[in-house]
Amino acid sequence: ARDMVRIAINAPSSAAGTLSVYDVAGRLVSRETTVLQRGSNVLFLRSLPAASGVYFVHVTAPSGEARGRLLVIR
């Protein structure tokens, strides 16, 4: 990713959620709150980390959690 990331996620129910980004040392880089609708959702991560590297993305909601990796290239 260079400018923005689009994250597709399916939610079993509508609820508030949190989109968090961590660096490889486990430090929180950014956190955004979002509202997930039941079914397919597309989340946009616009505040990418300033440094190139591998980051971990966590989406959490009362109904569950999803995790993934993100490679930022500057």
Protein backbone atom coordinates (compact mmCIF):
# COMPACT_ATOMS: atom_id res chain seq x y z
CA ALA A 1 0.00 0.00 0.00
CA ARG A 2 1.12 3.54 -0.62
CA ASP A 3 -1.79 5.92 0.02
CA MET A 4 -4.89 4.11 1.22
CA VAL A 5 -5.99 0.56 2.01
CA ARG A 6 -9.39 -0.96 1.34
CA ILE A 7 -10.34 -3.82 3.68
CA ALA A 8 -13.27 -6.10 2.86
CA ILE A 9 -14.88 -7.89 5.80
CA ASN A 10 -18.09 -9.83 6.44
CA ALA A 11 -19.89 -9.23 9.72
CA PRO A 12 -22.47 -11.64 11.16
CA SER A 13 -24.40 -8.73 12.74
CA SER A 14 -24.47 -4.94 12.82
CA ALA A 15 -22.26 -3.43 15.53
CA ALA A 16 -19.62 -0.86 16.33
CA GLY A 17 -16.09 -2.04 15.59
CA THR A 18 -12.48 -0.98 15.89
CA LEU A 19 -9.82 -1.02 13.17
CA SER A 20 -6.34 -1.11 14.75
CA VAL A 21 -2.88 -1.18 13.15
CA TYR A 22 0.19 -2.50 15.00
CA ASP A 23 3.86 -2.53 14.04
CA VAL A 24 6.01 -5.68 14.23
CA ALA A 25 6.99 -4.85 17.84
CA GLY A 26 3.31 -4.90 18.84
CA ARG A 27 2.98 -1.13 19.31
CA LEU A 28 -0.31 0.47 18.36
CA VAL A 29 0.21 2.72 15.32
CA SER A 30 -3.39 3.82 14.67
CA ARG A 31 -6.92 3.07 15.81
CA GLU A 32 -10.20 4.03 14.17
CA THR A 33 -13.75 3.26 15.23
CA THR A 34 -16.24 2.15 12.61
CA VAL A 35 -19.76 0.83 12.26
CA LEU A 36 -20.09 -2.61 10.69
CA GLN A 37 -23.32 -3.58 8.98
CA ARG A 38 -24.50 -7.16 8.79
CA GLY A 39 -23.00 -8.76 5.69
CA SER A 40 -20.28 -7.35 3.46
CA ASN A 41 -18.43 -4.21 4.55
CA VAL A 42 -15.59 -2.23 3.01
CA LEU A 43 -13.37 -0.29 5.43
CA PHE A 44 -10.88 2.33 4.30
CA LEU A 45 -7.64 2.86 6.18
CA ARG A 46 -6.50 6.33 5.16
CA SER A 47 -3.97 7.04 7.92
CA LEU A 48 -1.17 4.69 6.86
CA PRO A 49 2.02 4.54 8.93
CA ALA A 50 4.75 6.98 7.86
CA ALA A 51 7.49 4.34 7.69
CA SER A 52 7.75 1.48 5.21
CA GLY A 53 7.40 -1.98 6.69
CA VAL A 54 5.08 -4.80 7.71
CA TYR A 55 2.11 -3.97 9.93
CA PHE A 56 -0.71 -6.02 11.41
CA VAL A 57 -4.35 -5.02 11.03
CA HIS A 58 -7.00 -6.10 13.56
CA VAL A 59 -10.71 -5.51 13.15
CA THR A 60 -12.64 -6.23 16.34
CA ALA A 61 -16.36 -6.17 17.05
CA PRO A 62 -18.59 -7.81 19.68
CA SER A 63 -19.32 -10.64 17.22
CA GLY A 64 -15.68 -11.49 16.52
CA GLU A 65 -12.27 -10.50 15.25
CA ALA A 66 -10.36 -10.52 11.95
CA ARG A 67 -6.60 -10.14 11.46
CA GLY A 68 -4.34 -9.53 8.51
CA ARG A 69 -0.96 -8.21 7.40
CA LEU A 70 -0.24 -4.97 5.61
CA LEU A 71 2.91 -4.02 3.70
CA VAL A 72 3.51 -0.26 3.47
CA ILE A 73 5.89 0.95 0.76
CA ARG A 74 7.07 4.54 0.82
